[in-house]
Amino acid sequence: MRYMILISTDADAAKQWDEDPTVFDDAHRRLSIELQRTGELVDGNELDPDDATVIGTHRGQVLSMRGPFTEGVEVVGGYYVVDVAAQERAVEIAGMLAETRFSPVEIRRLMH
């Protein structure tokens, strides 16, 4: 089963990451190596929080706006797509992320 692991971030968490960014970089590097070794990694990447486009329709016209314009202070900062035997393994993988100490990490099963 495939799962997407969504790593949220906000300004307060980012300040804590800035204290020692190598902790987060090292954790992602180790996780990527492990997932490649087990064959569970499908895709993953960090997302640029300052370069987002939001598309919507207003009065029949498609509008493109600079974003993100999400509810609240959190934005998705990155993701992994994993192909694992069970949700428990996806939870285990998400638990390896250093971000879980400061920000929520969401796991969703991909439908298709």
N, C-alpha and C. Protein backbone atom coordinates (compact mmCIF):
# COMPACT_ATOMS: atom_id res chain seq x y z
N MET A 1 0.84 -1.18 0.00
CA MET A 1 0.00 0.00 0.00
C MET A 1 0.89 1.25 0.00
N ARG A 2 0.43 2.23 -0.72
CA ARG A 2 1.18 3.49 -0.78
C ARG A 2 0.58 4.51 0.18
N TYR A 3 1.48 5.21 0.84
CA TYR A 3 1.10 6.27 1.77
C TYR A 3 1.90 7.52 1.46
N MET A 4 1.27 8.66 1.67
CA MET A 4 1.97 9.93 1.59
C MET A 4 2.19 10.42 3.02
N ILE A 5 3.41 10.77 3.31
CA ILE A 5 3.77 11.34 4.60
C ILE A 5 3.98 12.82 4.36
N LEU A 6 3.10 13.65 4.94
CA LEU A 6 3.13 15.10 4.75
C LEU A 6 3.76 15.75 5.97
N ILE A 7 4.82 16.50 5.75
CA ILE A 7 5.56 17.13 6.83
C ILE A 7 5.15 18.60 6.87
N SER A 8 4.43 18.99 7.91
CA SER A 8 4.00 20.38 8.05
C SER A 8 5.08 21.18 8.77
N THR A 9 5.05 22.46 8.54
CA THR A 9 6.01 23.34 9.20
C THR A 9 5.34 24.68 9.47
N ASP A 10 5.89 25.41 10.40
CA ASP A 10 5.43 26.78 10.66
C ASP A 10 6.63 27.61 11.11
N ALA A 11 6.44 28.90 11.27
CA ALA A 11 7.55 29.80 11.58
C ALA A 11 8.23 29.46 12.90
N ASP A 12 7.46 29.11 13.92
CA ASP A 12 8.05 28.79 15.22
C ASP A 12 8.93 27.55 15.13
N ALA A 13 8.47 26.54 14.44
CA ALA A 13 9.27 25.32 14.28
C ALA A 13 10.52 25.61 13.47
N ALA A 14 10.39 26.43 12.46
CA ALA A 14 11.54 26.75 11.62
C ALA A 14 12.64 27.42 12.43
N LYS A 15 12.28 28.24 13.41
CA LYS A 15 13.29 28.87 14.26
C LYS A 15 14.09 27.81 15.01
N GLN A 16 13.41 26.79 15.51
CA GLN A 16 14.10 25.73 16.23
C GLN A 16 15.00 24.93 15.29
N TRP A 17 14.58 24.74 14.04
CA TRP A 17 15.39 24.01 13.08
C TRP A 17 16.65 24.79 12.75
N ASP A 18 16.55 26.12 12.72
CA ASP A 18 17.69 26.96 12.37
C ASP A 18 18.82 26.83 13.39
N GLU A 19 18.49 26.43 14.63
CA GLU A 19 19.52 26.29 15.65
C GLU A 19 20.54 25.23 15.25
N ASP A 20 20.11 24.16 14.63
CA ASP A 20 21.00 23.10 14.17
C ASP A 20 20.37 22.37 12.99
N PRO A 21 20.44 22.98 11.80
CA PRO A 21 19.78 22.38 10.63
C PRO A 21 20.36 21.03 10.24
N THR A 22 21.59 20.74 10.65
CA THR A 22 22.18 19.46 10.27
C THR A 22 21.43 18.29 10.90
N VAL A 23 20.77 18.51 12.04
CA VAL A 23 19.98 17.45 12.68
C VAL A 23 18.89 16.98 11.72
N PHE A 24 18.22 17.91 11.09
CA PHE A 24 17.12 17.59 10.18
C PHE A 24 17.66 17.04 8.87
N ASP A 25 18.70 17.66 8.33
CA ASP A 25 19.28 17.18 7.08
C ASP A 25 19.80 15.75 7.24
N ASP A 26 20.49 15.49 8.35
CA ASP A 26 21.02 14.15 8.59
C ASP A 26 19.91 13.12 8.74
N ALA A 27 18.84 13.49 9.45
CA ALA A 27 17.71 12.57 9.63
C ALA A 27 17.08 12.22 8.28
N HIS A 28 16.90 13.21 7.41
CA HIS A 28 16.31 12.95 6.09
C HIS A 28 17.26 12.12 5.22
N ARG A 29 18.54 12.41 5.31
CA ARG A 29 19.51 11.64 4.53
C ARG A 29 19.49 10.18 4.94
N ARG A 30 19.51 9.92 6.27
CA ARG A 30 19.47 8.54 6.76
C ARG A 30 18.18 7.84 6.36
N LEU A 31 17.06 8.56 6.49
CA LEU A 31 15.77 7.98 6.13
C LEU A 31 15.72 7.64 4.64
N SER A 32 16.17 8.54 3.80
CA SER A 32 16.17 8.30 2.35
C SER A 32 17.02 7.08 1.99
N ILE A 33 18.19 6.97 2.60
CA ILE A 33 19.06 5.82 2.35
C ILE A 33 18.37 4.53 2.78
N GLU A 34 17.76 4.55 3.96
CA GLU A 34 17.07 3.36 4.47
C GLU A 34 15.91 2.96 3.56
N LEU A 35 15.11 3.93 3.14
CA LEU A 35 13.95 3.62 2.30
C LEU A 35 14.38 3.15 0.91
N GLN A 36 15.47 3.68 0.40
CA GLN A 36 15.98 3.19 -0.89
C GLN A 36 16.49 1.76 -0.73
N ARG A 37 17.16 1.49 0.39
CA ARG A 37 17.70 0.14 0.64
C ARG A 37 16.58 -0.88 0.71
N THR A 38 15.45 -0.53 1.36
CA THR A 38 14.33 -1.47 1.52
C THR A 38 13.40 -1.48 0.32
N GLY A 39 13.59 -0.54 -0.61
CA GLY A 39 12.72 -0.46 -1.78
C GLY A 39 11.37 0.17 -1.48
N GLU A 40 11.23 0.84 -0.35
CA GLU A 40 9.94 1.44 0.04
C GLU A 40 9.76 2.88 -0.44
N LEU A 41 10.84 3.53 -0.86
CA LEU A 41 10.74 4.93 -1.29
C LEU A 41 10.20 5.02 -2.70
N VAL A 42 9.10 5.73 -2.87
CA VAL A 42 8.54 6.01 -4.19
C VAL A 42 8.98 7.39 -4.63
N ASP A 43 8.86 8.37 -3.72
CA ASP A 43 9.21 9.76 -4.04
C ASP A 43 9.29 10.53 -2.74
N GLY A 44 9.95 11.66 -2.79
CA GLY A 44 10.01 12.55 -1.64
C GLY A 44 10.75 13.80 -2.02
N ASN A 45 10.40 14.90 -1.35
CA ASN A 45 11.06 16.16 -1.66
C ASN A 45 10.68 17.20 -0.64
N GLU A 46 11.54 18.22 -0.53
CA GLU A 46 11.24 19.40 0.27
C GLU A 46 10.50 20.38 -0.63
N LEU A 47 9.52 21.08 -0.09
CA LEU A 47 8.75 22.04 -0.87
C LEU A 47 9.16 23.47 -0.50
N ASP A 48 9.26 24.32 -1.50
CA ASP A 48 9.66 25.71 -1.29
C ASP A 48 8.48 26.49 -0.72
N PRO A 49 8.57 26.95 0.53
CA PRO A 49 7.44 27.64 1.14
C PRO A 49 7.18 29.03 0.55
N ASP A 50 8.17 29.58 -0.17
CA ASP A 50 8.02 30.93 -0.71
C ASP A 50 7.61 30.94 -2.18
N ASP A 51 7.43 29.78 -2.77
CA ASP A 51 7.09 29.72 -4.19
C ASP A 51 5.90 28.78 -4.39
N ALA A 52 4.72 29.30 -4.14
CA ALA A 52 3.50 28.50 -4.29
C ALA A 52 2.50 29.30 -5.13
N THR A 53 1.71 28.58 -5.88
CA THR A 53 0.64 29.18 -6.67
C THR A 53 -0.66 28.49 -6.29
N VAL A 54 -1.67 29.28 -6.04
CA VAL A 54 -2.99 28.77 -5.68
C VAL A 54 -3.94 29.07 -6.83
N ILE A 55 -4.67 28.06 -7.27
CA ILE A 55 -5.61 28.20 -8.38
C ILE A 55 -7.03 28.10 -7.83
N GLY A 56 -7.88 29.01 -8.25
CA GLY A 56 -9.28 28.97 -7.85
C GLY A 56 -10.15 29.54 -8.95
N THR A 57 -11.44 29.35 -8.82
CA THR A 57 -12.39 29.88 -9.79
C THR A 57 -13.29 30.90 -9.11
N HIS A 58 -13.41 32.06 -9.72
CA HIS A 58 -14.27 33.11 -9.19
C HIS A 58 -15.09 33.68 -10.35
N ARG A 59 -16.43 33.57 -10.22
CA ARG A 59 -17.35 34.06 -11.26
C ARG A 59 -17.01 33.50 -12.64
N GLY A 60 -16.69 32.21 -12.65
CA GLY A 60 -16.45 31.52 -13.90
C GLY A 60 -15.06 31.70 -14.48
N GLN A 61 -14.21 32.47 -13.83
CA GLN A 61 -12.86 32.68 -14.32
C GLN A 61 -11.87 31.97 -13.42
N VAL A 62 -10.90 31.32 -14.04
CA VAL A 62 -9.84 30.67 -13.28
C VAL A 62 -8.82 31.73 -12.90
N LEU A 63 -8.51 31.80 -11.60
CA LEU A 63 -7.57 32.78 -11.09
C LEU A 63 -6.33 32.08 -10.56
N SER A 64 -5.20 32.69 -10.77
CA SER A 64 -3.94 32.19 -10.25
C SER A 64 -3.40 33.23 -9.28
N MET A 65 -3.11 32.78 -8.05
CA MET A 65 -2.65 33.71 -7.02
C MET A 65 -1.36 33.19 -6.40
N ARG A 66 -0.55 34.09 -5.89
CA ARG A 66 0.62 33.69 -5.13
C ARG A 66 0.13 33.12 -3.81
N GLY A 67 0.77 32.11 -3.31
CA GLY A 67 0.34 31.47 -2.07
C GLY A 67 1.54 31.18 -1.20
N PRO A 68 1.43 30.29 -0.26
CA PRO A 68 0.21 29.53 0.03
C PRO A 68 -0.78 30.33 0.85
N PHE A 69 -2.03 30.03 0.68
CA PHE A 69 -3.09 30.66 1.46
C PHE A 69 -3.86 29.57 2.19
N THR A 70 -3.18 28.88 3.07
CA THR A 70 -3.81 27.81 3.83
C THR A 70 -4.40 28.37 5.11
N GLU A 71 -5.34 27.63 5.68
CA GLU A 71 -5.89 28.01 6.97
C GLU A 71 -4.82 27.77 8.03
N GLY A 72 -4.67 28.70 8.94
CA GLY A 72 -3.72 28.51 10.03
C GLY A 72 -2.33 28.92 9.64
N VAL A 73 -1.37 28.57 10.50
CA VAL A 73 0.00 29.01 10.30
C VAL A 73 0.89 27.94 9.67
N GLU A 74 0.36 26.73 9.49
CA GLU A 74 1.18 25.65 8.99
C GLU A 74 1.08 25.52 7.47
N VAL A 75 2.19 25.12 6.86
CA VAL A 75 2.23 24.80 5.45
C VAL A 75 2.93 23.46 5.30
N VAL A 76 2.67 22.76 4.22
CA VAL A 76 3.35 21.51 3.96
C VAL A 76 4.77 21.84 3.50
N GLY A 77 5.75 21.40 4.26
CA GLY A 77 7.14 21.72 3.96
C GLY A 77 7.84 20.65 3.15
N GLY A 78 7.26 19.46 3.10
CA GLY A 78 7.87 18.37 2.35
C GLY A 78 7.02 17.13 2.43
N TYR A 79 7.44 16.09 1.72
CA TYR A 79 6.63 14.87 1.70
C TYR A 79 7.50 13.67 1.33
N TYR A 80 7.01 12.51 1.67
CA TYR A 80 7.53 11.24 1.20
C TYR A 80 6.34 10.43 0.71
N VAL A 81 6.50 9.71 -0.37
CA VAL A 81 5.54 8.70 -0.78
C VAL A 81 6.26 7.37 -0.61
N VAL A 82 5.65 6.50 0.19
CA VAL A 82 6.26 5.20 0.48
C VAL A 82 5.32 4.09 0.07
N ASP A 83 5.88 2.97 -0.29
CA ASP A 83 5.12 1.77 -0.64
C ASP A 83 5.48 0.72 0.40
N VAL A 84 4.57 0.48 1.34
CA VAL A 84 4.84 -0.38 2.49
C VAL A 84 3.76 -1.45 2.63
N ALA A 85 4.04 -2.45 3.44
CA ALA A 85 3.11 -3.56 3.63
C ALA A 85 1.89 -3.16 4.45
N ALA A 86 2.05 -2.21 5.37
CA ALA A 86 0.94 -1.86 6.26
C ALA A 86 1.12 -0.44 6.78
N GLN A 87 0.02 0.15 7.25
CA GLN A 87 0.04 1.52 7.78
C GLN A 87 1.02 1.63 8.95
N GLU A 88 1.17 0.58 9.72
CA GLU A 88 2.07 0.63 10.86
C GLU A 88 3.51 0.97 10.42
N ARG A 89 3.90 0.46 9.25
CA ARG A 89 5.24 0.76 8.75
C ARG A 89 5.33 2.22 8.34
N ALA A 90 4.28 2.77 7.75
CA ALA A 90 4.27 4.19 7.39
C ALA A 90 4.39 5.05 8.65
N VAL A 91 3.71 4.65 9.72
CA VAL A 91 3.81 5.37 11.00
C VAL A 91 5.24 5.27 11.54
N GLU A 92 5.83 4.10 11.46
CA GLU A 92 7.21 3.92 11.91
C GLU A 92 8.16 4.83 11.13
N ILE A 93 7.97 4.91 9.83
CA ILE A 93 8.81 5.76 8.98
C ILE A 93 8.63 7.23 9.38
N ALA A 94 7.40 7.66 9.52
CA ALA A 94 7.13 9.05 9.89
C ALA A 94 7.76 9.38 11.24
N GLY A 95 7.78 8.41 12.15
CA GLY A 95 8.37 8.62 13.46
C GLY A 95 9.87 8.84 13.42
N MET A 96 10.52 8.51 12.32
CA MET A 96 11.96 8.71 12.17
C MET A 96 12.31 10.16 11.83
N LEU A 97 11.31 10.96 11.49
CA LEU A 97 11.54 12.34 11.10
C LEU A 97 11.78 13.22 12.32
N ALA A 98 12.84 14.02 12.28
CA ALA A 98 13.15 14.93 13.38
C ALA A 98 12.04 15.97 13.57
N GLU A 99 11.32 16.29 12.50
CA GLU A 99 10.27 17.31 12.58
C GLU A 99 9.15 16.94 13.54
N THR A 100 8.98 15.66 13.81
CA THR A 100 7.88 15.26 14.70
C THR A 100 8.02 15.87 16.09
N ARG A 101 9.20 16.34 16.43
CA ARG A 101 9.39 16.99 17.74
C ARG A 101 8.77 18.37 17.79
N PHE A 102 8.58 19.01 16.61
CA PHE A 102 8.13 20.39 16.58
C PHE A 102 6.88 20.64 15.76
N SER A 103 6.59 19.76 14.82
CA SER A 103 5.49 20.00 13.88
C SER A 103 4.74 18.70 13.62
N PRO A 104 3.49 18.80 13.22
CA PRO A 104 2.74 17.59 12.90
C PRO A 104 3.22 16.95 11.60
N VAL A 105 3.15 15.63 11.58
CA VAL A 105 3.44 14.86 10.38
C VAL A 105 2.19 14.01 10.13
N GLU A 106 1.64 14.14 8.95
CA GLU A 106 0.37 13.47 8.61
C GLU A 106 0.63 12.32 7.65
N ILE A 107 -0.06 11.23 7.87
CA ILE A 107 0.08 10.05 7.01
C ILE A 107 -1.27 9.79 6.36
N ARG A 108 -1.27 9.68 5.04
CA ARG A 108 -2.51 9.38 4.31
C ARG A 108 -2.28 8.28 3.30
N ARG A 109 -3.21 7.35 3.25
CA ARG A 109 -3.13 6.28 2.26
C ARG A 109 -3.54 6.84 0.91
N LEU A 110 -2.76 6.53 -0.11
CA LEU A 110 -3.10 6.95 -1.46
C LEU A 110 -4.18 6.02 -2.00
N MET A 111 -5.17 6.57 -2.63
CA MET A 111 -6.32 5.80 -3.09
C MET A 111 -6.07 5.10 -4.43
N HIS A 112 -5.23 5.66 -5.28
CA HIS A 112 -5.01 5.09 -6.62
C HIS A 112 -3.54 5.02 -6.91
